[in-house]
C-alpha atoms as a PDB file:
ATOM      1  CA  MET A   1      63.857 125.629 140.943  1.00  0.00           C
ATOM      2  CA  THR A   2      65.972 127.929 139.161  1.00  0.00           C
ATOM      3  CA  ASP A   3      64.354 130.026 136.180  1.00  0.00           C
ATOM      4  CA  GLU A   4      66.608 128.035 133.693  1.00  0.00           C
ATOM      5  CA  THR A   5      65.402 124.680 134.890  1.00  0.00           C
ATOM      6  CA  ARG A   6      61.830 125.755 135.007  1.00  0.00           C
ATOM      7  CA  HIS A   7      62.126 126.901 131.335  1.00  0.00           C
ATOM      8  CA  ASN A   8      63.893 123.819 130.150  1.00  0.00           C
ATOM      9  CA  LEU A   9      60.942 121.693 131.860  1.00  0.00           C
ATOM     10  CA  MET A  10      58.403 123.902 130.145  1.00  0.00           C
ATOM     11  CA  GLN A  11      60.152 123.668 126.747  1.00  0.00           C
ATOM     12  CA  ALA A  12      60.089 119.869 127.230  1.00  0.00           C
ATOM     13  CA  VAL A  13      56.410 119.870 127.983  1.00  0.00           C
ATOM     14  CA  ALA A  14      55.958 121.989 124.986  1.00  0.00           C
ATOM     15  CA  SER A  15      57.970 119.796 122.755  1.00  0.00           C
ATOM     16  CA  ALA A  16      55.939 116.716 124.009  1.00  0.00           C
ATOM     17  CA  ARG A  17      52.582 118.402 123.420  1.00  0.00           C
ATOM     18  CA  MET A  18      53.646 118.993 119.835  1.00  0.00           C
ATOM     19  CA  GLU A  19      54.123 115.267 119.472  1.00  0.00           C
ATOM     20  CA  GLY A  20      50.659 114.724 120.775  1.00  0.00           C
ATOM     21  CA  LEU A  21      51.298 113.964 124.430  1.00  0.00           C
ATOM     22  CA  ASP A  22      49.776 116.171 127.344  1.00  0.00           C
ATOM     23  CA  PHE A  23      50.614 116.705 130.965  1.00  0.00           C
ATOM     24  CA  THR A  24      48.382 117.579 133.720  1.00  0.00           C
ATOM     25  CA  GLU A  25      49.368 120.467 136.122  1.00  0.00           C
ATOM     26  CA  GLU A  26      49.729 117.731 138.808  1.00  0.00           C
ATOM     27  CA  GLU A  27      52.303 115.957 136.475  1.00  0.00           C
ATOM     28  CA  ILE A  28      54.387 118.908 136.059  1.00  0.00           C
ATOM     29  CA  LYS A  29      54.501 119.836 139.780  1.00  0.00           C
ATOM     30  CA  ILE A  30      55.634 116.196 140.365  1.00  0.00           C
ATOM     31  CA  ALA A  31      58.518 116.676 137.558  1.00  0.00           C
ATOM     32  CA  GLU A  32      59.335 119.804 139.397  1.00  0.00           C
ATOM     33  CA  LYS A  33      59.694 118.146 142.836  1.00  0.00           C
ATOM     34  CA  ILE A  34      61.818 115.456 141.273  1.00  0.00           C
ATOM     35  CA  LEU A  35      64.144 118.285 139.591  1.00  0.00           C
ATOM     36  CA  ASP A  36      64.310 120.272 142.811  1.00  0.00           C
ATOM     37  CA  GLY A  37      65.371 116.900 144.585  1.00  0.00           C
ATOM     38  CA  GLU A  38      62.287 117.032 146.926  1.00  0.00           C
ATOM     39  CA  MET A  39      61.363 113.476 145.753  1.00  0.00           C
ATOM     40  CA  THR A  40      63.116 110.659 143.882  1.00  0.00           C
ATOM     41  CA  ILE A  41      61.699 108.959 140.930  1.00  0.00           C
ATOM     42  CA  GLU A  42      61.762 105.706 143.135  1.00  0.00           C
ATOM     43  CA  GLU A  43      59.585 107.574 145.856  1.00  0.00           C
ATOM     44  CA  TYR A  44      57.128 108.644 143.086  1.00  0.00           C
ATOM     45  CA  VAL A  45      56.783 105.004 141.700  1.00  0.00           C
ATOM     46  CA  GLU A  46      56.305 103.812 145.185  1.00  0.00           C
ATOM     47  CA  GLU A  47      53.568 106.401 145.806  1.00  0.00           C
ATOM     48  CA  ILE A  48      51.667 105.465 142.688  1.00  0.00           C
ATOM     49  CA  MET A  49      52.155 101.625 143.266  1.00  0.00           C
ATOM     50  CA  SER A  50      50.500 101.969 146.601  1.00  0.00           C
ATOM     51  CA  GLU A  51      47.399 103.665 145.338  1.00  0.00           C
END
């Protein structure tokens, strides 16, 4: 992940937190994987649906 992408992700998380939403470290790591192309959203949905 580039520094710029990481910065943008953390800005989005901070903005969401100001609106009352919170993210766990695990959720942030999942977002990083998706942004890095290591996982698709569809793969993530399949993963949580199989739990």
